[in-house]
Amino acid sequence: MKNVATKLDKLNLMDKFLFDEVMEDAECYQAVIRILLENEIEILERPETEKEFRVSPQLRQIRLDVIGMDKEKKIYYTEMQQKNTGNLKKRSRYYQAQLDVSLLEPGSTDFNLLNDSCFIMIAPFDIFGKGLYRYTFEGVCRECPELKIGDGAVRVFINTKGKNREAFSQEFLDFMGYITSSTDETAETIESARIRQIHENVRKIKASEKIGVKYMQRWEEIAYAKQEGMSKGEIIRLIKQICKKIEKNKSLEEISEELEEALEVVRPIYEQAFEADPPYDYEKIYENCRAEGCLPAEKEVQ
């Protein structure tokens, strides 16, 4: 337990586990949204974390880190992304589509009832290569650039390694550093009351025995899955099994349970398979998962 507690203590806000735990506090999530968008938004309800959406059994489910709503009933979806998978632009488009569909009741005919929404992805890299800390996308007219479509949908990409410091407040810049170094030492150098509030919650979570047990269970699940390792042949066989389950419209959780494999082992294969169309190229799925470093350790065949 002590070893796992040490690992929990080393986590930064960029880590999904810690981010989700911290953002369950409505005031912390509100503080994060206000800092990232530089707008005094008022979050009304307790955020939901690790929220799953599946519009149809035939469609891929999505899982978002944190969801909250403001007093105008605008929805804020926030996602931490540690790795550049090369498909994040279109992934954000797919997420937005799935989210929009989930917002209307079945049979609703008035599309004006669709909530305004803001999808925010936070990453320690620059997806667009322009050196900006923040990229905000709204539908604009090519022929009349000052004309926006006004459909209420916004997508925001945060790059913690931006270079245009002059365009942002010190609080925003300090938070960019804090995300990837969520330590007492970093917090002590920051004057922002909001970041200090967030850090206080970070400290409580890292010191919580209950959260420590939860993290231990997650950590042990991943470690166990990787401990023994699998040969390439065994991994390819697992990929085939997962793909067959997907074709039968099985959910991620159902596949994990039926194959008796850890969720963290099944998930990357499951996600890669959904990026492809049948007939599946098992070798390509394997190579993509291996490139992302999300498969169990590969053992040599004796």
C-alpha atoms as a PDB file:
ATOM      1  CA  MET A   1       0.000   0.000   0.000  1.00  0.00           C
ATOM      2  CA  LYS A   2       2.867   2.346   0.783  1.00  0.00           C
ATOM      3  CA  ASN A   3       4.353   1.846  -2.696  1.00  0.00           C
ATOM      4  CA  VAL A   4       1.019   2.601  -4.355  1.00  0.00           C
ATOM      5  CA  ALA A   5       0.465   5.648  -2.139  1.00  0.00           C
ATOM      6  CA  THR A   6       3.844   6.924  -3.297  1.00  0.00           C
ATOM      7  CA  LYS A   7       2.782   6.477  -6.920  1.00  0.00           C
ATOM      8  CA  LEU A   8      -0.470   8.335  -6.245  1.00  0.00           C
ATOM      9  CA  ASP A   9       1.520  11.139  -4.638  1.00  0.00           C
ATOM     10  CA  LYS A  10       3.585  11.471  -7.837  1.00  0.00           C
ATOM     11  CA  LEU A  11       0.583  11.953 -10.118  1.00  0.00           C
ATOM     12  CA  ASN A  12      -0.033  15.298 -11.812  1.00  0.00           C
ATOM     13  CA  LEU A  13      -3.328  16.842 -12.875  1.00  0.00           C
ATOM     14  CA  MET A  14      -2.547  15.701 -16.429  1.00  0.00           C
ATOM     15  CA  ASP A  15      -3.139  12.127 -15.247  1.00  0.00           C
ATOM     16  CA  LYS A  16      -6.748  11.118 -15.937  1.00  0.00           C
ATOM     17  CA  PHE A  17      -7.158   9.363 -12.593  1.00  0.00           C
ATOM     18  CA  LEU A  18      -6.170  12.389 -10.525  1.00  0.00           C
ATOM     19  CA  PHE A  19      -7.958  14.845 -12.823  1.00  0.00           C
ATOM     20  CA  ASP A  20     -11.245  12.934 -12.564  1.00  0.00           C
ATOM     21  CA  GLU A  21     -11.009  12.680  -8.775  1.00  0.00           C
ATOM     22  CA  VAL A  22     -10.235  16.387  -8.347  1.00  0.00           C
ATOM     23  CA  MET A  23     -12.919  17.515 -10.793  1.00  0.00           C
ATOM     24  CA  GLU A  24     -15.685  15.727  -8.896  1.00  0.00           C
ATOM     25  CA  ASP A  25     -15.629  18.842  -6.731  1.00  0.00           C
ATOM     26  CA  ALA A  26     -17.893  21.384  -8.463  1.00  0.00           C
ATOM     27  CA  GLU A  27     -15.896  24.387  -7.238  1.00  0.00           C
ATOM     28  CA  CYS A  28     -12.652  22.922  -8.569  1.00  0.00           C
ATOM     29  CA  TYR A  29     -14.195  22.170 -11.951  1.00  0.00           C
ATOM     30  CA  GLN A  30     -15.637  25.663 -12.088  1.00  0.00           C
ATOM     31  CA  ALA A  31     -12.211  27.101 -11.277  1.00  0.00           C
ATOM     32  CA  VAL A  32     -10.589  25.058 -14.049  1.00  0.00           C
ATOM     33  CA  ILE A  33     -13.184  26.103 -16.650  1.00  0.00           C
ATOM     34  CA  ARG A  34     -12.869  29.762 -15.639  1.00  0.00           C
ATOM     35  CA  ILE A  35      -9.082  29.657 -15.933  1.00  0.00           C
ATOM     36  CA  LEU A  36      -9.002  27.798 -19.256  1.00  0.00           C
ATOM     37  CA  LEU A  37     -11.645  29.948 -20.960  1.00  0.00           C
ATOM     38  CA  GLU A  38     -10.868  33.163 -19.027  1.00  0.00           C
ATOM     39  CA  ASN A  39     -14.558  33.632 -18.388  1.00  0.00           C
ATOM     40  CA  GLU A  40     -16.452  33.791 -15.077  1.00  0.00           C
ATOM     41  CA  ILE A  41     -18.639  30.760 -15.805  1.00  0.00           C
ATOM     42  CA  GLU A  42     -20.880  29.460 -13.027  1.00  0.00           C
ATOM     43  CA  ILE A  43     -21.128  25.676 -12.869  1.00  0.00           C
ATOM     44  CA  LEU A  44     -24.423  24.725 -11.225  1.00  0.00           C
ATOM     45  CA  GLU A  45     -24.331  20.997 -10.604  1.00  0.00           C
ATOM     46  CA  ARG A  46     -21.754  18.515  -9.408  1.00  0.00           C
ATOM     47  CA  PRO A  47     -19.762  17.382 -12.445  1.00  0.00           C
ATOM     48  CA  GLU A  48     -19.964  13.817 -13.708  1.00  0.00           C
ATOM     49  CA  THR A  49     -16.678  12.001 -14.269  1.00  0.00           C
ATOM     50  CA  GLU A  50     -15.790   9.124 -16.596  1.00  0.00           C
ATOM     51  CA  LYS A  51     -19.180   9.530 -18.270  1.00  0.00           C
ATOM     52  CA  GLU A  52     -19.948   7.005 -21.000  1.00  0.00           C
ATOM     53  CA  PHE A  53     -22.178   7.625 -24.022  1.00  0.00           C
ATOM     54  CA  ARG A  54     -23.511   5.043 -26.437  1.00  0.00           C
ATOM     55  CA  VAL A  55     -26.252   6.200 -28.799  1.00  0.00           C
ATOM     56  CA  SER A  56     -26.761   2.751 -30.298  1.00  0.00           C
ATOM     57  CA  PRO A  57     -25.367  -0.767 -29.721  1.00  0.00           C
ATOM     58  CA  GLN A  58     -24.022  -0.571 -33.280  1.00  0.00           C
ATOM     59  CA  LEU A  59     -22.014   2.572 -32.574  1.00  0.00           C
ATOM     60  CA  ARG A  60     -18.824   3.041 -30.620  1.00  0.00           C
ATOM     61  CA  GLN A  61     -19.219   4.281 -27.083  1.00  0.00           C
ATOM     62  CA  ILE A  62     -17.242   7.274 -25.866  1.00  0.00           C
ATOM     63  CA  ARG A  63     -15.973   8.070 -22.382  1.00  0.00           C
ATOM     64  CA  LEU A  64     -15.316  11.635 -21.261  1.00  0.00           C
ATOM     65  CA  ASP A  65     -13.320  12.677 -18.225  1.00  0.00           C
ATOM     66  CA  VAL A  66     -15.604  15.425 -16.838  1.00  0.00           C
ATOM     67  CA  ILE A  67     -18.980  16.955 -17.712  1.00  0.00           C
ATOM     68  CA  GLY A  68     -20.622  19.971 -16.101  1.00  0.00           C
ATOM     69  CA  MET A  69     -23.417  22.472 -16.792  1.00  0.00           C
ATOM     70  CA  ASP A  70     -23.594  26.226 -16.207  1.00  0.00           C
ATOM     71  CA  LYS A  71     -26.570  28.382 -15.204  1.00  0.00           C
ATOM     72  CA  GLU A  72     -27.435  28.934 -18.889  1.00  0.00           C
ATOM     73  CA  LYS A  73     -27.620  25.124 -19.320  1.00  0.00           C
ATOM     74  CA  LYS A  74     -24.519  25.128 -21.468  1.00  0.00           C
ATOM     75  CA  ILE A  75     -22.647  21.838 -21.258  1.00  0.00           C
ATOM     76  CA  TYR A  76     -18.877  21.683 -20.727  1.00  0.00           C
ATOM     77  CA  TYR A  77     -17.077  18.480 -21.652  1.00  0.00           C
ATOM     78  CA  THR A  78     -13.432  18.322 -20.581  1.00  0.00           C
ATOM     79  CA  GLU A  79     -10.895  15.692 -21.605  1.00  0.00           C
ATOM     80  CA  MET A  80      -7.254  15.159 -20.621  1.00  0.00           C
ATOM     81  CA  GLN A  81      -5.124  13.712 -23.433  1.00  0.00           C
ATOM     82  CA  GLN A  82      -1.576  12.633 -22.636  1.00  0.00           C
ATOM     83  CA  LYS A  83      -0.597  11.149 -26.009  1.00  0.00           C
ATOM     84  CA  ASN A  84      -0.902  12.478 -29.550  1.00  0.00           C
ATOM     85  CA  THR A  85      -2.611   9.594 -31.320  1.00  0.00           C
ATOM     86  CA  GLY A  86      -2.723  11.428 -34.657  1.00  0.00           C
ATOM     87  CA  ASN A  87      -6.529  11.327 -34.858  1.00  0.00           C
ATOM     88  CA  LEU A  88      -7.565  13.852 -32.222  1.00  0.00           C
ATOM     89  CA  LYS A  89      -9.127  16.373 -34.615  1.00  0.00           C
ATOM     90  CA  LYS A  90     -11.577  13.839 -36.046  1.00  0.00           C
ATOM     91  CA  ARG A  91     -11.971  12.204 -32.654  1.00  0.00           C
ATOM     92  CA  SER A  92     -13.217  15.533 -31.271  1.00  0.00           C
ATOM     93  CA  ARG A  93     -15.678  15.725 -34.183  1.00  0.00           C
ATOM     94  CA  TYR A  94     -17.003  12.234 -33.390  1.00  0.00           C
ATOM     95  CA  TYR A  95     -17.277  13.047 -29.699  1.00  0.00           C
ATOM     96  CA  GLN A  96     -19.180  16.246 -30.467  1.00  0.00           C
ATOM     97  CA  ALA A  97     -21.627  14.340 -32.678  1.00  0.00           C
ATOM     98  CA  GLN A  98     -22.243  11.669 -30.043  1.00  0.00           C
ATOM     99  CA  LEU A  99     -22.680  14.275 -27.338  1.00  0.00           C
ATOM    100  CA  ASP A 100     -25.152  16.289 -29.395  1.00  0.00           C
ATOM    101  CA  VAL A 101     -27.303  13.243 -30.091  1.00  0.00           C
ATOM    102  CA  SER A 102     -27.433  12.450 -26.376  1.00  0.00           C
ATOM    103  CA  LEU A 103     -28.816  15.890 -25.491  1.00  0.00           C
ATOM    104  CA  LEU A 104     -32.251  15.548 -27.119  1.00  0.00           C
ATOM    105  CA  GLU A 105     -35.013  13.303 -25.825  1.00  0.00           C
ATOM    106  CA  PRO A 106     -36.231  10.558 -28.206  1.00  0.00           C
ATOM    107  CA  GLY A 107     -38.948  11.932 -30.463  1.00  0.00           C
ATOM    108  CA  SER A 108     -38.009  15.583 -29.892  1.00  0.00           C
ATOM    109  CA  THR A 109     -38.641  17.696 -32.997  1.00  0.00           C
ATOM    110  CA  ASP A 110     -37.404  21.081 -31.764  1.00  0.00           C
ATOM    111  CA  PHE A 111     -33.668  21.278 -32.404  1.00  0.00           C
ATOM    112  CA  ASN A 112     -33.559  24.633 -30.633  1.00  0.00           C
ATOM    113  CA  LEU A 113     -33.792  22.627 -27.403  1.00  0.00           C
ATOM    114  CA  LEU A 114     -30.253  21.389 -28.038  1.00  0.00           C
ATOM    115  CA  ASN A 115     -27.973  22.742 -25.315  1.00  0.00           C
ATOM    116  CA  ASP A 116     -25.045  24.949 -26.221  1.00  0.00           C
ATOM    117  CA  SER A 117     -21.854  23.013 -25.630  1.00  0.00           C
ATOM    118  CA  CYS A 118     -18.128  23.487 -25.212  1.00  0.00           C
ATOM    119  CA  PHE A 119     -15.776  20.553 -25.734  1.00  0.00           C
ATOM    120  CA  ILE A 120     -12.348  21.150 -24.158  1.00  0.00           C
ATOM    121  CA  MET A 121      -9.331  18.927 -24.765  1.00  0.00           C
ATOM    122  CA  ILE A 122      -6.208  19.568 -22.665  1.00  0.00           C
ATOM    123  CA  ALA A 123      -2.893  18.193 -23.915  1.00  0.00           C
ATOM    124  CA  PRO A 124       0.837  18.681 -23.232  1.00  0.00           C
ATOM    125  CA  PHE A 125       1.521  19.032 -26.966  1.00  0.00           C
ATOM    126  CA  ASP A 126       0.486  21.211 -29.912  1.00  0.00           C
ATOM    127  CA  ILE A 127      -2.016  19.446 -32.198  1.00  0.00           C
ATOM    128  CA  PHE A 128      -2.027  22.284 -34.740  1.00  0.00           C
ATOM    129  CA  GLY A 129       1.619  23.342 -34.664  1.00  0.00           C
ATOM    130  CA  LYS A 130       1.007  27.097 -34.418  1.00  0.00           C
ATOM    131  CA  GLY A 131       2.552  27.567 -30.977  1.00  0.00           C
ATOM    132  CA  LEU A 132      -0.682  28.719 -29.329  1.00  0.00           C
ATOM    133  CA  TYR A 133      -1.829  27.872 -25.826  1.00  0.00           C
ATOM    134  CA  ARG A 134      -5.489  27.804 -26.855  1.00  0.00           C
ATOM    135  CA  TYR A 135      -7.291  27.050 -30.125  1.00  0.00           C
ATOM    136  CA  THR A 136     -11.022  27.853 -30.202  1.00  0.00           C
ATOM    137  CA  PHE A 137     -13.162  26.593 -33.071  1.00  0.00           C
ATOM    138  CA  GLU A 138     -16.625  27.827 -34.007  1.00  0.00           C
ATOM    139  CA  GLY A 139     -18.354  27.438 -37.362  1.00  0.00           C
ATOM    140  CA  VAL A 140     -17.571  30.420 -39.639  1.00  0.00           C
ATOM    141  CA  CYS A 141     -18.512  31.193 -43.221  1.00  0.00           C
ATOM    142  CA  ARG A 142     -15.653  30.892 -45.743  1.00  0.00           C
ATOM    143  CA  GLU A 143     -17.148  33.583 -47.965  1.00  0.00           C
ATOM    144  CA  CYS A 144     -17.987  35.878 -45.049  1.00  0.00           C
ATOM    145  CA  PRO A 145     -15.444  35.194 -42.247  1.00  0.00           C
ATOM    146  CA  GLU A 146     -17.108  37.573 -39.795  1.00  0.00           C
ATOM    147  CA  LEU A 147     -20.311  35.479 -40.012  1.00  0.00           C
ATOM    148  CA  LYS A 148     -20.580  32.623 -37.518  1.00  0.00           C
ATOM    149  CA  ILE A 149     -23.089  29.826 -37.866  1.00  0.00           C
ATOM    150  CA  GLY A 150     -24.219  30.337 -34.268  1.00  0.00           C
ATOM    151  CA  ASP A 151     -25.194  26.728 -33.616  1.00  0.00           C
ATOM    152  CA  GLY A 152     -23.930  26.871 -30.033  1.00  0.00           C
ATOM    153  CA  ALA A 153     -21.127  24.314 -30.468  1.00  0.00           C
ATOM    154  CA  VAL A 154     -17.544  25.232 -29.570  1.00  0.00           C
ATOM    155  CA  ARG A 155     -14.429  23.058 -29.528  1.00  0.00           C
ATOM    156  CA  VAL A 156     -11.389  24.230 -27.571  1.00  0.00           C
ATOM    157  CA  PHE A 157      -7.925  22.655 -27.628  1.00  0.00           C
ATOM    158  CA  ILE A 158      -5.524  23.606 -24.832  1.00  0.00           C
ATOM    159  CA  ASN A 159      -1.788  23.174 -25.453  1.00  0.00           C
ATOM    160  CA  THR A 160       0.110  23.441 -22.151  1.00  0.00           C
ATOM    161  CA  LYS A 161       3.350  24.035 -24.099  1.00  0.00           C
ATOM    162  CA  GLY A 162       2.187  27.154 -25.949  1.00  0.00           C
ATOM    163  CA  LYS A 163       4.463  30.100 -26.731  1.00  0.00           C
ATOM    164  CA  ASN A 164       2.153  33.132 -27.021  1.00  0.00           C
ATOM    165  CA  ARG A 165       2.470  34.082 -23.356  1.00  0.00           C
ATOM    166  CA  GLU A 166       1.641  37.731 -24.001  1.00  0.00           C
ATOM    167  CA  ALA A 167      -1.939  36.769 -24.959  1.00  0.00           C
ATOM    168  CA  PHE A 168      -2.822  35.234 -21.575  1.00  0.00           C
ATOM    169  CA  SER A 169      -3.142  36.132 -17.920  1.00  0.00           C
ATOM    170  CA  GLN A 170      -0.523  35.071 -15.389  1.00  0.00           C
ATOM    171  CA  GLU A 171      -3.115  32.812 -13.792  1.00  0.00           C
ATOM    172  CA  PHE A 172      -3.635  30.952 -17.079  1.00  0.00           C
ATOM    173  CA  LEU A 173       0.113  30.611 -17.625  1.00  0.00           C
ATOM    174  CA  ASP A 174       0.659  29.397 -14.062  1.00  0.00           C
ATOM    175  CA  PHE A 175      -2.066  26.803 -14.498  1.00  0.00           C
ATOM    176  CA  MET A 176      -0.401  25.494 -17.662  1.00  0.00           C
ATOM    177  CA  GLY A 177       2.665  24.751 -15.561  1.00  0.00           C
ATOM    178  CA  TYR A 178       0.669  23.372 -12.657  1.00  0.00           C
ATOM    179  CA  ILE A 179      -1.158  20.825 -14.828  1.00  0.00           C
ATOM    180  CA  THR A 180       2.075  18.970 -15.527  1.00  0.00           C
ATOM    181  CA  SER A 181       3.694  19.634 -12.137  1.00  0.00           C
ATOM    182  CA  SER A 182       0.955  19.436  -9.493  1.00  0.00           C
ATOM    183  CA  THR A 183       3.247  19.668  -6.479  1.00  0.00           C
ATOM    184  CA  ASP A 184       3.454  21.676  -3.281  1.00  0.00           C
ATOM    185  CA  GLU A 185       6.606  23.329  -4.626  1.00  0.00           C
ATOM    186  CA  THR A 186       4.821  24.527  -7.765  1.00  0.00           C
ATOM    187  CA  ALA A 187       1.749  25.691  -5.844  1.00  0.00           C
ATOM    188  CA  GLU A 188       3.880  27.750  -3.460  1.00  0.00           C
ATOM    189  CA  THR A 189       5.120  29.891  -6.363  1.00  0.00           C
ATOM    190  CA  ILE A 190       1.585  30.683  -7.566  1.00  0.00           C
ATOM    191  CA  GLU A 191      -0.496  33.629  -6.343  1.00  0.00           C
ATOM    192  CA  SER A 192      -3.815  32.573  -7.919  1.00  0.00           C
ATOM    193  CA  ALA A 193      -6.422  31.749  -5.264  1.00  0.00           C
ATOM    194  CA  ARG A 194      -8.202  29.480  -7.709  1.00  0.00           C
ATOM    195  CA  ILE A 195      -5.138  27.374  -8.456  1.00  0.00           C
ATOM    196  CA  ARG A 196      -4.395  27.158  -4.738  1.00  0.00           C
ATOM    197  CA  GLN A 197      -7.982  25.972  -4.202  1.00  0.00           C
ATOM    198  CA  ILE A 198      -7.477  23.269  -6.826  1.00  0.00           C
ATOM    199  CA  HIS A 199      -4.179  22.263  -5.255  1.00  0.00           C
ATOM    200  CA  GLU A 200      -5.763  21.947  -1.822  1.00  0.00           C
ATOM    201  CA  ASN A 201      -8.152  19.377  -3.282  1.00  0.00           C
ATOM    202  CA  VAL A 202      -5.236  17.644  -5.016  1.00  0.00           C
ATOM    203  CA  ARG A 203      -3.457  17.360  -1.655  1.00  0.00           C
ATOM    204  CA  LYS A 204      -6.546  15.941   0.050  1.00  0.00           C
ATOM    205  CA  ILE A 205      -6.995  13.314  -2.649  1.00  0.00           C
ATOM    206  CA  LYS A 206      -3.357  12.272  -2.564  1.00  0.00           C
ATOM    207  CA  ALA A 207      -3.615  11.910   1.226  1.00  0.00           C
ATOM    208  CA  SER A 208      -6.940  10.022   1.158  1.00  0.00           C
ATOM    209  CA  GLU A 209      -6.745   6.366   2.161  1.00  0.00           C
ATOM    210  CA  LYS A 210      -9.993   5.658   0.298  1.00  0.00           C
ATOM    211  CA  ILE A 211      -8.676   7.161  -2.940  1.00  0.00           C
ATOM    212  CA  GLY A 212      -5.395   5.349  -2.344  1.00  0.00           C
ATOM    213  CA  VAL A 213      -7.234   2.016  -2.274  1.00  0.00           C
ATOM    214  CA  LYS A 214      -9.132   2.931  -5.426  1.00  0.00           C
ATOM    215  CA  TYR A 215      -5.913   3.857  -7.201  1.00  0.00           C
ATOM    216  CA  MET A 216      -4.239   0.705  -5.927  1.00  0.00           C
ATOM    217  CA  GLN A 217      -6.986  -1.408  -7.455  1.00  0.00           C
ATOM    218  CA  ARG A 218      -6.648   0.414 -10.787  1.00  0.00           C
ATOM    219  CA  TRP A 219      -2.863   0.186 -10.670  1.00  0.00           C
ATOM    220  CA  GLU A 220      -2.858  -3.509  -9.745  1.00  0.00           C
ATOM    221  CA  GLU A 221      -5.263  -4.291 -12.582  1.00  0.00           C
ATOM    222  CA  ILE A 222      -2.935  -2.692 -15.100  1.00  0.00           C
ATOM    223  CA  ALA A 223       0.210  -4.122 -13.513  1.00  0.00           C
ATOM    224  CA  TYR A 224      -1.238  -7.639 -13.394  1.00  0.00           C
ATOM    225  CA  ALA A 225      -2.220  -7.430 -17.042  1.00  0.00           C
ATOM    226  CA  LYS A 226       1.334  -6.455 -17.988  1.00  0.00           C
ATOM    227  CA  GLN A 227       3.251  -8.568 -15.505  1.00  0.00           C
ATOM    228  CA  GLU A 228       3.445 -11.876 -17.311  1.00  0.00           C
ATOM    229  CA  GLY A 229       3.486 -10.428 -20.782  1.00  0.00           C
ATOM    230  CA  MET A 230       2.012 -11.918 -23.935  1.00  0.00           C
ATOM    231  CA  SER A 231       3.606 -13.165 -27.128  1.00  0.00           C
ATOM    232  CA  LYS A 232       2.717 -11.394 -30.358  1.00  0.00           C
ATOM    233  CA  GLY A 233       0.688 -14.431 -31.340  1.00  0.00           C
ATOM    234  CA  GLU A 234      -1.303 -14.258 -28.106  1.00  0.00           C
ATOM    235  CA  ILE A 235      -1.958 -10.559 -28.606  1.00  0.00           C
ATOM    236  CA  ILE A 236      -3.101 -11.098 -32.206  1.00  0.00           C
ATOM    237  CA  ARG A 237      -5.392 -13.884 -30.969  1.00  0.00           C
ATOM    238  CA  LEU A 238      -6.845 -11.495 -28.377  1.00  0.00           C
ATOM    239  CA  ILE A 239      -7.341  -8.839 -31.060  1.00  0.00           C
ATOM    240  CA  LYS A 240      -9.297 -11.338 -33.181  1.00  0.00           C
ATOM    241  CA  GLN A 241     -11.488 -12.279 -30.213  1.00  0.00           C
ATOM    242  CA  ILE A 242     -12.218  -8.650 -29.406  1.00  0.00           C
ATOM    243  CA  CYS A 243     -13.051  -7.827 -33.018  1.00  0.00           C
ATOM    244  CA  LYS A 244     -15.496 -10.746 -33.187  1.00  0.00           C
ATOM    245  CA  LYS A 245     -17.163  -9.515 -30.003  1.00  0.00           C
ATOM    246  CA  ILE A 246     -17.442  -6.015 -31.464  1.00  0.00           C
ATOM    247  CA  GLU A 247     -19.159  -7.409 -34.550  1.00  0.00           C
ATOM    248  CA  LYS A 248     -21.728  -8.905 -32.171  1.00  0.00           C
ATOM    249  CA  ASN A 249     -22.326  -5.429 -30.704  1.00  0.00           C
ATOM    250  CA  LYS A 250     -20.735  -6.273 -27.355  1.00  0.00           C
ATOM    251  CA  SER A 251     -19.767  -3.352 -25.134  1.00  0.00           C
ATOM    252  CA  LEU A 252     -16.250  -2.808 -23.817  1.00  0.00           C
ATOM    253  CA  GLU A 253     -17.268  -4.024 -20.361  1.00  0.00           C
ATOM    254  CA  GLU A 254     -19.026  -7.104 -21.757  1.00  0.00           C
ATOM    255  CA  ILE A 255     -15.970  -8.040 -23.818  1.00  0.00           C
ATOM    256  CA  SER A 256     -13.661  -7.588 -20.840  1.00  0.00           C
ATOM    257  CA  GLU A 257     -15.865  -9.797 -18.677  1.00  0.00           C
ATOM    258  CA  GLU A 258     -16.471 -12.513 -21.291  1.00  0.00           C
ATOM    259  CA  LEU A 259     -12.785 -12.794 -22.212  1.00  0.00           C
ATOM    260  CA  GLU A 260     -11.717 -12.476 -18.569  1.00  0.00           C
ATOM    261  CA  GLU A 261      -9.193  -9.809 -19.505  1.00  0.00           C
ATOM    262  CA  ALA A 262      -8.512  -6.569 -17.620  1.00  0.00           C
ATOM    263  CA  LEU A 263     -10.445  -3.581 -18.896  1.00  0.00           C
ATOM    264  CA  GLU A 264      -7.191  -1.662 -19.416  1.00  0.00           C
ATOM    265  CA  VAL A 265      -5.910  -4.428 -21.728  1.00  0.00           C
ATOM    266  CA  VAL A 266      -9.089  -4.646 -23.790  1.00  0.00           C
ATOM    267  CA  ARG A 267      -9.733  -0.899 -24.073  1.00  0.00           C
ATOM    268  CA  PRO A 268      -6.903   0.139 -26.500  1.00  0.00           C
ATOM    269  CA  ILE A 269      -7.644  -2.773 -28.839  1.00  0.00           C
ATOM    270  CA  TYR A 270     -11.363  -2.031 -28.631  1.00  0.00           C
ATOM    271  CA  GLU A 271     -10.769   1.620 -29.505  1.00  0.00           C
ATOM    272  CA  GLN A 272      -8.427   0.831 -32.404  1.00  0.00           C
ATOM    273  CA  ALA A 273     -10.904  -1.666 -33.848  1.00  0.00           C
ATOM    274  CA  PHE A 274     -13.596   1.002 -33.857  1.00  0.00           C
ATOM    275  CA  GLU A 275     -11.313   3.214 -35.930  1.00  0.00           C
ATOM    276  CA  ALA A 276     -11.287   0.516 -38.608  1.00  0.00           C
ATOM    277  CA  ASP A 277     -13.973  -1.137 -40.724  1.00  0.00           C
ATOM    278  CA  PRO A 278     -14.536  -4.877 -41.141  1.00  0.00           C
ATOM    279  CA  PRO A 279     -12.886  -6.969 -42.403  1.00  0.00           C
ATOM    280  CA  TYR A 280     -10.383  -6.071 -39.695  1.00  0.00           C
ATOM    281  CA  ASP A 281      -6.676  -5.893 -40.368  1.00  0.00           C
ATOM    282  CA  TYR A 282      -5.493  -7.559 -37.157  1.00  0.00           C
ATOM    283  CA  GLU A 283      -1.833  -6.879 -37.853  1.00  0.00           C
ATOM    284  CA  LYS A 284      -2.499  -3.170 -38.361  1.00  0.00           C
ATOM    285  CA  ILE A 285      -4.524  -2.961 -35.138  1.00  0.00           C
ATOM    286  CA  TYR A 286      -1.630  -4.668 -33.352  1.00  0.00           C
ATOM    287  CA  GLU A 287       0.929  -2.232 -34.807  1.00  0.00           C
ATOM    288  CA  ASN A 288      -1.200   0.794 -33.908  1.00  0.00           C
ATOM    289  CA  CYS A 289      -1.652  -0.391 -30.321  1.00  0.00           C
ATOM    290  CA  ARG A 290       2.021  -1.232 -30.010  1.00  0.00           C
ATOM    291  CA  ALA A 291       2.993   2.223 -31.359  1.00  0.00           C
ATOM    292  CA  GLU A 292       0.896   3.850 -28.632  1.00  0.00           C
ATOM    293  CA  GLY A 293       2.577   1.697 -25.976  1.00  0.00           C
ATOM    294  CA  CYS A 294      -0.740   0.482 -24.591  1.00  0.00           C
ATOM    295  CA  LEU A 295      -0.366  -3.295 -24.915  1.00  0.00           C
ATOM    296  CA  PRO A 296       0.927  -5.746 -22.292  1.00  0.00           C
ATOM    297  CA  ALA A 297       4.666  -6.335 -22.275  1.00  0.00           C
ATOM    298  CA  GLU A 298       5.601  -8.628 -25.128  1.00  0.00           C
ATOM    299  CA  LYS A 299       7.424 -11.789 -24.137  1.00  0.00           C
ATOM    300  CA  GLU A 300       9.774 -13.663 -26.381  1.00  0.00           C
ATOM    301  CA  VAL A 301       8.716 -17.014 -27.713  1.00  0.00           C
ATOM    302  CA  GLN A 302      11.060 -19.680 -26.321  1.00  0.00           C
END
